[in-house]
Amino acid sequence: MANDKFTEQPEESEWFDGLLTAPDAGQEIGPDEHAVSSAGLTDISDIELEKIMQEALSDEWLEDAIQQEAVQEPILDVIQDQEYSDFSEDPVNIVQIEEEAEQEEPEEEVDEEEDPDAPVRKVRPKRKKGYGLFAIPHLLSMVIWFALVVVIGTSMGRLLWVCASDVLAFGRGDAEVTITITESDDLDSIANKLYNAELIKYPQLFKFYAELTNAMEDGSIGVGEFTLYMSYDYHALVNGLSPHVAKKEEIEVMIPEGYSCAQIFALLEEKGICTVEEMEEYACTSKFESYKFLDGVERGTKYCLEGFLFPDTYKFYINDNPRNIYHKMLSRFEDQFDAELQEHIITLNLRLSEMMRRQGYSQEYIDAHQMSLRDVVIVASMIEKESAHSGENYNISSVIYNRLSNPEYPYLNIDATLVYALGGKSDLTAADKELDSPYNTYKYPGLTPTPISNPGLSSIMAALSPADTKFYFYALNPSINEHHFSETYQQHQEFLESLR
């Protein structure tokens, strides 16, 4: 069937048979020497070809490629950061981009649009989380700030207290100082004179006060010789240096032992030193915080300092300031009732505790009835008013403490306390003894609310060291102006009968 097919289509193979029979069809195709020579090419030998293949297979080309790729990577990053919308339409100079990438600092921001007039912005380094100012951890910063606040607050508080104590003259004595101010003295020299006289502690602070109050400009400080006191505050010092202050007349006044505040005030007014109203008002309004022995004393009344105005002989000025009078008398009490004398209160309480224990009092009651300095002064004020003379002080003191330590004698029955409650009435009646007053020791047990007089040193000593007796009663023998002491009520009545 194949032979028939080929015979049936002779015209389809005739062109191929003609091609094979052409004169050039069987010749081998070789190199065109003319073309090679004309192009400058020569034949490559087998040795040269092998050398080329070895070089191609070596690693040098790979290293070169890696290096070039490393150079091109930052260039591509810069190109991408520029955010060109059409890279093909806006070609970039690769060399220029490479140089700009090498010079670019990490702290600078890349401007999206080049503006020659725009200021260069720098990027602030990112702060680590958990760190505050100066890269200090937040917790440590809080501790440091808290410590600074405490130190500064404490220092400021102490500074204010020191300044206030000097301005207000806290804790100073009452010594008298005389200074002389001349016409050549200015504020600096005046402050130094006050400092050298120990009237002030801080000259700069006084100068500030004087300038603030215009003391030099308005003539508040004059020229001459001035008598001042250590207890003067800044205001009193400026007033004491006033040129308008006339030379004060000084007067000596003796305050008797056992005088009450009302009697002392009346005496000072009689001598022209100070009025009763001025003394009463100052007692009501002033705190007297510098005197520790006044702790526990109720303030705010005109006789609140009863018992602590020490009786003695003083020198006062005519028309003196009530503040100066009080501070003189309170300072004298502080000098007399010193720390050594106050130690006797401990011995007294030990003795009274044993006396109450023998009378069957509980320890709770004993602890609640320990004597304080104020209690001692109350007892001393009673001794002062009841004694006919100082020789009786210790026996009268023993009667008071014997009654306070024995439940059989709950009332002191002291006439002087009732006289104080009645405003000084001396002739007592049976009706007077029924007066409803805490100062009536016939009706109210124990001590009175306050002292009833201002006792002297001998009465204070007797109150601290009572005689060791069993006396519970005493009565005055008018014929000899002396008290008779008894141990029992029967003995006491027998003595009273003998006086009739």
Protein backbone atom coordinates (compact mmCIF):
# COMPACT_ATOMS: atom_id res chain seq x y z
CA MET A 1 0.00 0.00 0.00
CA ALA A 2 2.97 2.33 0.64
CA ASN A 3 4.38 1.93 -2.85
CA ASP A 4 1.01 2.68 -4.35
CA LYS A 5 0.76 5.84 -2.38
CA PHE A 6 4.03 7.28 -3.46
CA THR A 7 3.30 6.39 -7.07
CA GLU A 8 -0.02 8.07 -6.91
CA GLN A 9 1.53 11.50 -5.83
CA PRO A 10 4.73 12.05 -7.77
CA GLU A 11 4.39 15.86 -7.85
CA GLU A 12 4.80 16.31 -4.00
CA SER A 13 8.35 14.87 -3.84
CA GLU A 14 9.77 16.21 -7.01
CA TRP A 15 10.95 19.51 -5.44
CA PHE A 16 12.83 17.70 -2.64
CA ASP A 17 14.56 15.34 -5.15
CA GLY A 18 15.62 18.35 -7.15
CA LEU A 19 17.21 19.97 -4.09
CA LEU A 20 19.31 16.90 -3.31
CA THR A 21 20.63 16.68 -6.80
CA ALA A 22 21.75 20.33 -6.89
CA PRO A 23 25.50 20.87 -7.38
CA ASP A 24 26.12 22.39 -3.92
CA ALA A 25 23.83 20.30 -1.82
CA GLY A 26 26.28 17.77 -0.58
CA GLN A 27 29.18 20.03 0.33
CA GLU A 28 30.20 20.57 4.02
CA ILE A 29 29.61 23.98 5.49
CA GLY A 30 32.86 25.42 6.93
CA PRO A 31 33.99 28.71 8.38
CA ASP A 32 34.09 31.79 6.23
CA GLU A 33 37.67 32.81 6.45
CA HIS A 34 37.02 36.10 4.85
CA ALA A 35 34.30 37.04 7.29
CA VAL A 36 36.35 36.08 10.33
CA SER A 37 39.37 37.98 9.28
CA SER A 38 37.41 41.03 8.33
CA ALA A 39 35.82 41.17 11.86
CA GLY A 40 39.14 40.87 13.70
CA LEU A 41 38.38 37.40 15.08
CA THR A 42 40.73 34.46 15.08
CA ASP A 43 40.28 30.85 15.79
CA ILE A 44 40.32 29.83 19.53
CA SER A 45 42.49 26.92 20.33
CA ASP A 46 41.45 24.14 22.67
CA ILE A 47 43.93 25.29 25.37
CA GLU A 48 42.55 28.82 25.40
CA LEU A 49 38.99 27.54 25.51
CA GLU A 50 39.79 25.37 28.53
CA LYS A 51 41.38 28.34 30.33
CA ILE A 52 38.27 30.44 29.77
CA MET A 53 36.06 27.69 31.15
CA GLN A 54 38.22 27.36 34.29
CA GLU A 55 38.04 31.09 34.96
CA ALA A 56 34.31 31.05 34.48
CA LEU A 57 33.92 28.19 36.91
CA SER A 58 36.08 29.90 39.59
CA ASP A 59 34.58 31.84 42.65
CA GLU A 60 35.96 35.25 41.74
CA TRP A 61 32.91 36.24 39.73
CA LEU A 62 30.65 35.26 42.61
CA GLU A 63 32.57 37.44 45.09
CA ASP A 64 32.45 40.37 42.71
CA ALA A 65 28.73 39.95 42.34
CA ILE A 66 28.17 39.86 46.11
CA GLN A 67 30.21 43.00 46.65
CA GLN A 68 28.34 44.88 43.97
CA GLU A 69 25.00 43.74 45.38
CA ALA A 70 26.00 44.98 48.85
CA VAL A 71 26.76 48.38 47.41
CA GLN A 72 23.53 48.54 45.49
CA GLU A 73 21.25 47.55 48.43
CA PRO A 74 21.53 50.90 50.37
CA ILE A 75 21.13 52.68 47.10
CA LEU A 76 17.85 50.87 46.50
CA ASP A 77 16.71 51.71 50.05
CA VAL A 78 17.33 55.39 49.46
CA ILE A 79 15.50 55.19 46.19
CA GLN A 80 12.53 53.57 47.89
CA ASP A 81 12.50 56.20 50.67
CA GLN A 82 12.25 58.96 48.10
CA GLU A 83 8.81 57.50 47.20
CA TYR A 84 8.96 58.27 43.56
CA SER A 85 5.64 57.62 41.93
CA ASP A 86 7.15 56.66 38.56
CA PHE A 87 10.74 55.34 38.72
CA SER A 88 11.03 55.03 34.96
CA GLU A 89 9.92 58.62 34.31
CA ASP A 90 12.24 60.17 36.98
CA PRO A 91 15.59 58.36 36.79
CA VAL A 92 17.96 58.73 39.71
CA ASN A 93 21.66 59.33 39.46
CA ILE A 94 22.97 56.17 41.16
CA VAL A 95 26.34 57.68 42.06
CA GLN A 96 24.76 60.76 43.63
CA ILE A 97 22.34 58.62 45.67
CA GLU A 98 25.20 56.46 46.85
CA GLU A 99 27.19 59.48 48.06
CA GLU A 100 24.15 60.96 49.85
CA ALA A 101 23.45 57.60 51.53
CA GLU A 102 27.01 57.44 52.85
CA GLN A 103 26.88 61.02 54.22
CA GLU A 104 23.40 60.67 55.78
CA GLU A 105 23.35 60.71 59.59
CA PRO A 106 20.86 58.52 61.46
CA GLU A 107 19.65 61.45 63.55
CA GLU A 108 18.41 63.49 60.56
CA GLU A 109 15.06 63.05 58.94
CA VAL A 110 14.86 62.69 55.13
CA ASP A 111 12.71 65.49 53.76
CA GLU A 112 10.02 64.26 51.46
CA GLU A 113 10.24 67.44 49.43
CA GLU A 114 13.44 69.38 49.00
CA ASP A 115 13.02 72.89 50.34
CA PRO A 116 16.23 74.94 50.62
CA ASP A 117 14.57 77.40 53.02
CA ALA A 118 13.18 74.78 55.41
CA PRO A 119 15.11 74.34 58.75
CA VAL A 120 16.90 71.11 59.31
CA ARG A 121 15.01 68.90 61.77
CA LYS A 122 16.75 66.40 63.96
CA VAL A 123 15.18 63.32 65.34
CA ARG A 124 15.36 63.04 69.16
CA PRO A 125 16.79 59.71 70.25
CA LYS A 126 14.11 57.39 71.56
CA ARG A 127 14.04 57.24 75.35
CA LYS A 128 14.00 53.88 76.91
CA LYS A 129 10.77 52.92 78.57
CA GLY A 130 10.76 53.07 82.39
CA TYR A 131 13.21 55.98 82.57
CA GLY A 132 12.57 59.55 83.54
CA LEU A 133 14.58 62.74 83.61
CA PHE A 134 18.32 62.31 82.96
CA ALA A 135 17.67 58.62 82.16
CA ILE A 136 16.97 57.94 85.87
CA PRO A 137 14.46 55.17 86.60
CA HIS A 138 11.02 56.48 87.62
CA LEU A 139 11.06 54.79 91.04
CA LEU A 140 14.47 56.20 91.89
CA SER A 141 13.32 59.63 90.68
CA MET A 142 10.34 59.50 93.05
CA VAL A 143 12.58 58.56 95.97
CA ILE A 144 14.97 61.40 95.18
CA TRP A 145 12.17 63.97 94.86
CA PHE A 146 10.56 62.77 98.11
CA ALA A 147 13.88 63.03 99.94
CA LEU A 148 14.40 66.55 98.60
CA VAL A 149 10.91 67.63 99.70
CA VAL A 150 11.48 66.24 103.22
CA VAL A 151 14.90 67.87 103.58
CA ILE A 152 13.72 71.22 102.25
CA GLY A 153 10.54 71.16 104.37
CA THR A 154 12.44 70.31 107.55
CA SER A 155 15.06 72.97 106.90
CA MET A 156 12.43 75.62 106.19
CA GLY A 157 10.46 74.71 109.30
CA ARG A 158 13.55 74.90 111.50
CA LEU A 159 14.54 78.21 109.90
CA LEU A 160 11.11 79.71 110.54
CA TRP A 161 11.15 78.55 114.18
CA VAL A 162 14.63 79.99 114.77
CA CYS A 163 13.63 83.32 113.24
CA ALA A 164 10.35 83.46 115.18
CA SER A 165 12.05 82.68 118.48
CA ASP A 166 14.42 85.61 117.99
CA VAL A 167 11.74 88.03 116.78
CA LEU A 168 9.43 87.16 119.71
CA ALA A 169 12.24 86.76 122.30
CA PHE A 170 11.27 83.24 123.37
CA GLY A 171 13.10 81.79 126.36
CA ARG A 172 15.12 84.83 127.32
CA GLY A 173 15.77 86.17 130.77
CA ASP A 174 14.83 89.59 132.07
CA ALA A 175 18.24 91.17 132.53
CA GLU A 176 18.51 94.91 132.09
CA VAL A 177 20.80 96.26 129.36
CA THR A 178 21.80 99.85 128.61
CA ILE A 179 23.01 100.85 125.13
CA THR A 180 23.90 104.21 123.59
CA ILE A 181 22.89 105.30 120.11
CA THR A 182 24.85 108.16 118.53
CA GLU A 183 24.09 110.35 115.52
CA SER A 184 26.71 108.51 113.46
CA ASP A 185 25.06 105.14 114.02
CA ASP A 186 23.22 103.63 111.09
CA LEU A 187 21.02 100.54 111.02
CA ASP A 188 24.04 98.23 110.67
CA SER A 189 25.81 99.60 113.73
CA ILE A 190 22.60 99.65 115.78
CA ALA A 191 21.93 96.01 114.94
CA ASN A 192 25.51 95.12 115.92
CA LYS A 193 25.14 96.93 119.26
CA LEU A 194 21.96 95.01 120.01
CA TYR A 195 23.71 91.79 119.02
CA ASN A 196 26.74 92.51 121.24
CA ALA A 197 24.38 93.25 124.14
CA GLU A 198 22.73 89.83 123.48
CA LEU A 199 19.37 91.48 122.90
CA ILE A 200 19.12 89.81 119.48
CA LYS A 201 20.76 86.78 117.89
CA TYR A 202 20.54 87.65 114.20
CA PRO A 203 21.48 91.23 113.20
CA GLN A 204 20.43 90.68 109.58
CA LEU A 205 16.97 89.60 110.70
CA PHE A 206 16.59 92.67 112.90
CA LYS A 207 17.71 94.90 110.01
CA PHE A 208 15.10 93.29 107.79
CA TYR A 209 12.42 93.93 110.44
CA ALA A 210 13.53 97.55 110.91
CA GLU A 211 13.49 98.18 107.16
CA LEU A 212 10.11 96.50 106.82
CA THR A 213 8.63 98.75 109.53
CA ASN A 214 10.55 101.87 108.34
CA ALA A 215 12.05 102.26 111.80
CA MET A 216 14.92 104.44 110.59
CA GLU A 217 12.98 106.49 108.05
CA ASP A 218 10.10 107.57 110.29
CA GLY A 219 12.33 108.32 113.28
CA SER A 220 11.28 105.34 115.40
CA ILE A 221 14.90 104.87 116.52
CA GLY A 222 16.45 107.91 118.14
CA VAL A 223 19.73 109.07 119.64
CA GLY A 224 20.63 108.76 123.30
CA GLU A 225 21.02 106.26 126.11
CA PHE A 226 18.35 103.58 126.35
CA THR A 227 17.56 100.96 128.97
CA LEU A 228 16.29 97.73 127.45
CA TYR A 229 15.51 94.23 128.71
CA MET A 230 16.46 90.80 127.45
CA SER A 231 12.78 89.86 127.33
CA TYR A 232 12.01 92.56 124.73
CA ASP A 233 10.91 91.32 121.33
CA TYR A 234 11.76 93.21 118.13
CA HIS A 235 8.73 95.46 118.44
CA ALA A 236 9.55 96.32 122.05
CA LEU A 237 13.19 96.97 121.12
CA VAL A 238 12.21 99.46 118.43
CA ASN A 239 9.79 101.14 120.82
CA GLY A 240 12.44 101.16 123.54
CA LEU A 241 14.80 103.02 121.20
CA SER A 242 12.23 105.66 120.34
CA PRO A 243 13.37 109.27 120.79
CA HIS A 244 9.91 110.12 122.14
CA VAL A 245 10.31 107.82 125.13
CA ALA A 246 11.01 109.98 128.16
CA LYS A 247 13.45 108.83 130.78
CA LYS A 248 11.39 106.45 132.89
CA GLU A 249 11.10 106.85 136.60
CA GLU A 250 11.93 103.65 138.43
CA ILE A 251 10.21 102.57 141.63
CA GLU A 252 10.88 99.71 144.02
CA VAL A 253 7.89 97.60 145.02
CA MET A 254 7.75 94.78 147.56
CA ILE A 255 5.19 92.05 146.81
CA PRO A 256 4.29 90.39 150.15
CA GLU A 257 4.21 86.60 150.46
CA GLY A 258 0.71 85.21 150.28
CA TYR A 259 -0.73 88.06 148.20
CA SER A 260 -3.34 86.99 145.69
CA CYS A 261 -3.32 88.21 142.08
CA ALA A 262 -6.13 90.64 142.88
CA GLN A 263 -4.06 92.13 145.72
CA ILE A 264 -0.93 92.36 143.56
CA PHE A 265 -2.81 94.12 140.74
CA ALA A 266 -4.28 96.64 143.16
CA LEU A 267 -0.83 97.34 144.65
CA LEU A 268 0.73 97.93 141.21
CA GLU A 269 -2.05 100.35 140.29
CA GLU A 270 -1.62 102.16 143.60
CA LYS A 271 2.09 102.64 142.86
CA GLY A 272 1.37 104.01 139.38
CA ILE A 273 3.06 101.10 137.64
CA CYS A 274 0.16 99.54 135.77
CA THR A 275 -3.62 99.51 135.98
CA VAL A 276 -5.67 96.55 137.20
CA GLU A 277 -7.46 96.35 133.84
CA GLU A 278 -4.18 96.11 131.92
CA MET A 279 -2.89 93.33 134.16
CA GLU A 280 -6.14 91.37 133.95
CA GLU A 281 -6.42 91.72 130.17
CA TYR A 282 -2.83 90.64 129.55
CA ALA A 283 -3.32 87.56 131.75
CA CYS A 284 -6.42 86.59 129.76
CA THR A 285 -4.94 87.01 126.28
CA SER A 286 -1.31 85.92 126.60
CA LYS A 287 -0.08 82.32 126.49
CA PHE A 288 3.31 82.52 128.30
CA GLU A 289 4.50 79.48 126.33
CA SER A 290 8.16 79.90 127.27
CA TYR A 291 7.51 78.89 130.92
CA LYS A 292 7.36 75.11 131.15
CA PHE A 293 6.18 75.10 134.76
CA LEU A 294 2.86 76.50 133.52
CA ASP A 295 2.09 73.28 131.61
CA GLY A 296 -1.29 72.00 132.73
CA VAL A 297 -2.37 75.40 134.06
CA GLU A 298 -5.67 76.49 132.56
CA ARG A 299 -5.35 79.84 130.80
CA GLY A 300 -7.75 82.53 129.70
CA THR A 301 -8.91 83.98 133.04
CA LYS A 302 -7.68 87.08 134.82
CA TYR A 303 -6.30 85.07 137.77
CA CYS A 304 -4.95 82.12 135.78
CA LEU A 305 -1.39 82.83 137.01
CA GLU A 306 -2.37 82.62 140.67
CA GLY A 307 0.39 80.95 142.69
CA PHE A 308 3.17 81.62 140.15
CA LEU A 309 3.76 85.37 140.61
CA PHE A 310 6.68 85.00 142.97
CA PRO A 311 6.53 87.44 145.90
CA ASP A 312 9.70 89.48 146.15
CA THR A 313 11.04 93.03 145.91
CA TYR A 314 11.08 94.34 142.34
CA LYS A 315 12.05 97.48 140.49
CA PHE A 316 9.36 98.62 138.08
CA TYR A 317 8.96 101.69 135.90
CA ILE A 318 6.11 104.12 136.29
CA ASN A 319 3.52 103.34 133.58
CA ASP A 320 5.30 100.12 132.78
CA ASN A 321 4.14 97.49 130.32
CA PRO A 322 2.15 94.60 131.92
CA ARG A 323 4.18 92.18 129.82
CA ASN A 324 7.39 93.31 131.55
CA ILE A 325 5.79 92.96 134.99
CA TYR A 326 4.54 89.43 134.37
CA HIS A 327 7.81 88.27 132.87
CA LYS A 328 9.81 89.64 135.77
CA MET A 329 7.71 87.82 138.35
CA LEU A 330 7.40 84.55 136.39
CA SER A 331 11.13 84.53 135.70
CA ARG A 332 11.79 84.94 139.42
CA PHE A 333 9.53 81.93 140.17
CA GLU A 334 11.42 79.89 137.57
CA ASP A 335 14.72 80.83 139.19
CA GLN A 336 13.52 79.77 142.66
CA PHE A 337 11.66 76.59 141.71
CA ASP A 338 14.63 75.17 139.81
CA ALA A 339 15.25 71.59 138.64
CA GLU A 340 16.87 70.59 141.95
CA LEU A 341 13.83 71.72 143.89
CA GLN A 342 11.49 69.92 141.50
CA GLU A 343 13.27 66.63 142.20
CA HIS A 344 11.78 66.77 145.70
CA ILE A 345 8.37 66.07 144.15
CA ILE A 346 9.53 62.52 143.39
CA THR A 347 10.50 61.94 147.04
CA LEU A 348 7.23 63.45 148.20
CA ASN A 349 5.16 61.10 146.02
CA LEU A 350 7.03 58.05 147.28
CA ARG A 351 6.27 59.08 150.81
CA LEU A 352 2.59 59.80 150.15
CA SER A 353 2.17 56.53 148.24
CA GLU A 354 3.35 54.59 151.29
CA MET A 355 1.01 56.57 153.55
CA MET A 356 -2.00 55.84 151.31
CA ARG A 357 -1.03 52.18 151.02
CA ARG A 358 -1.08 51.86 154.83
CA GLN A 359 -4.57 53.35 154.84
CA GLY A 360 -5.84 50.70 152.45
CA TYR A 361 -5.98 52.64 149.19
CA SER A 362 -5.62 50.64 145.97
CA GLN A 363 -2.65 51.05 143.71
CA GLU A 364 -4.93 52.48 141.05
CA TYR A 365 -6.08 55.21 143.43
CA ILE A 366 -2.52 55.90 144.52
CA ASP A 367 -1.34 56.27 140.90
CA ALA A 368 -4.19 58.67 140.17
CA HIS A 369 -3.32 60.91 143.15
CA GLN A 370 0.36 61.61 142.56
CA MET A 371 1.36 65.21 143.24
CA SER A 372 2.33 67.48 140.33
CA LEU A 373 4.21 70.77 140.50
CA ARG A 374 0.89 72.58 140.26
CA ASP A 375 -0.52 70.50 143.16
CA VAL A 376 2.51 71.35 145.28
CA VAL A 377 1.96 75.06 144.60
CA ILE A 378 -1.72 74.69 145.66
CA VAL A 379 -0.65 73.12 148.97
CA ALA A 380 2.03 75.80 149.42
CA SER A 381 -0.57 78.54 148.86
CA MET A 382 -2.74 77.04 151.64
CA ILE A 383 0.25 76.79 153.99
CA GLU A 384 1.11 80.43 153.20
CA LYS A 385 -2.37 81.65 154.15
CA GLU A 386 -2.88 79.38 157.18
CA SER A 387 0.48 79.78 158.97
CA ALA A 388 0.88 82.37 161.64
CA HIS A 389 4.64 82.37 161.03
CA SER A 390 7.10 80.35 158.96
CA GLY A 391 7.98 78.09 161.89
CA GLU A 392 4.56 76.45 161.60
CA ASN A 393 4.77 75.72 157.89
CA TYR A 394 6.00 72.12 158.13
CA ASN A 395 3.40 71.08 160.76
CA ILE A 396 0.54 72.63 158.77
CA SER A 397 1.88 70.85 155.70
CA SER A 398 1.78 67.53 157.60
CA VAL A 399 -1.87 68.10 158.57
CA ILE A 400 -2.83 68.67 154.92
CA TYR A 401 -1.04 65.55 153.64
CA ASN A 402 -2.26 63.41 156.57
CA ARG A 403 -5.85 64.25 155.63
CA LEU A 404 -5.23 63.70 151.88
CA SER A 405 -3.86 60.21 152.67
CA ASN A 406 -6.56 59.08 155.09
CA PRO A 407 -10.15 58.23 153.99
CA GLU A 408 -11.44 59.08 157.47
CA TYR A 409 -10.72 62.79 156.75
CA PRO A 410 -11.98 63.48 153.21
CA TYR A 411 -12.25 67.27 153.80
CA LEU A 412 -9.36 69.61 154.50
CA ASN A 413 -11.59 72.11 156.42
CA ILE A 414 -9.25 75.03 155.71
CA ASP A 415 -10.72 78.47 156.35
CA ALA A 416 -8.34 80.25 153.98
CA THR A 417 -9.82 78.52 150.93
CA LEU A 418 -13.30 79.71 151.86
CA VAL A 419 -11.99 83.24 152.43
CA TYR A 420 -10.56 83.16 148.88
CA ALA A 421 -13.91 82.02 147.48
CA LEU A 422 -15.67 84.86 149.33
CA GLY A 423 -13.31 87.48 147.91
CA GLY A 424 -11.29 88.10 151.06
CA LYS A 425 -13.96 88.04 153.77
CA SER A 426 -12.19 87.09 157.00
CA ASP A 427 -14.98 86.76 159.61
CA LEU A 428 -16.52 83.48 158.57
CA THR A 429 -19.92 82.36 159.78
CA ALA A 430 -21.63 78.99 159.84
CA ALA A 431 -23.61 80.06 156.76
CA ASP A 432 -20.39 80.83 154.89
CA LYS A 433 -19.26 77.27 155.40
CA GLU A 434 -22.29 76.13 153.41
CA LEU A 435 -21.17 78.05 150.31
CA ASP A 436 -21.38 75.92 147.17
CA SER A 437 -17.95 76.52 145.71
CA PRO A 438 -15.09 74.16 144.74
CA TYR A 439 -12.92 76.36 146.95
CA ASN A 440 -15.03 75.46 149.99
CA THR A 441 -12.96 72.64 151.50
CA TYR A 442 -15.70 72.05 154.06
CA LYS A 443 -17.97 70.74 151.28
CA TYR A 444 -15.60 69.58 148.52
CA PRO A 445 -12.91 66.93 149.18
CA GLY A 446 -9.30 67.18 148.11
CA LEU A 447 -7.41 70.19 146.79
CA THR A 448 -8.89 73.39 145.41
CA PRO A 449 -8.97 73.93 141.62
CA THR A 450 -6.16 76.53 141.75
CA PRO A 451 -3.78 78.05 144.28
CA ILE A 452 -5.37 80.58 146.60
CA SER A 453 -2.31 82.85 146.93
CA ASN A 454 1.22 83.36 145.66
CA PRO A 455 3.41 81.50 148.19
CA GLY A 456 6.97 82.32 149.16
CA LEU A 457 9.92 79.94 149.07
CA SER A 458 9.53 78.78 152.70
CA SER A 459 5.95 77.64 152.10
CA ILE A 460 7.01 75.85 148.88
CA MET A 461 9.76 74.02 150.77
CA ALA A 462 7.26 72.99 153.48
CA ALA A 463 4.87 71.68 150.82
CA LEU A 464 7.70 69.54 149.39
CA SER A 465 8.91 68.22 152.76
CA PRO A 466 6.10 68.01 155.34
CA ALA A 467 6.90 67.12 158.94
CA ASP A 468 6.40 63.49 159.97
CA THR A 469 3.50 63.81 162.39
CA LYS A 470 0.09 62.30 163.21
CA PHE A 471 -1.62 65.68 163.41
CA TYR A 472 -5.04 66.05 161.82
CA PHE A 473 -6.19 69.28 163.49
CA TYR A 474 -4.87 72.71 164.37
CA ALA A 475 -6.35 75.89 165.83
CA LEU A 476 -4.94 79.35 166.42
CA ASN A 477 -4.13 80.53 169.90
CA PRO A 478 -4.68 84.30 169.55
CA SER A 479 -2.88 85.12 172.78
CA ILE A 480 0.44 84.00 171.36
CA ASN A 481 -0.49 84.14 167.65
CA GLU A 482 0.43 80.54 167.17
CA HIS A 483 -1.38 77.35 166.18
CA HIS A 484 -2.00 74.40 168.43
CA PHE A 485 -1.84 70.93 166.74
CA SER A 486 -3.86 67.86 167.74
CA GLU A 487 -3.92 64.22 166.67
CA THR A 488 -7.57 63.50 167.48
CA TYR A 489 -10.81 65.36 167.26
CA GLN A 490 -11.27 65.09 171.04
CA GLN A 491 -7.92 66.76 171.68
CA HIS A 492 -8.85 69.47 169.23
CA GLN A 493 -12.18 70.15 170.95
CA GLU A 494 -10.54 70.26 174.36
CA PHE A 495 -8.14 72.93 173.12
CA LEU A 496 -10.98 75.02 171.68
CA GLU A 497 -12.78 74.80 175.01
CA SER A 498 -9.70 76.07 176.75
CA LEU A 499 -9.77 79.24 174.66
CA ARG A 500 -13.24 80.26 175.87
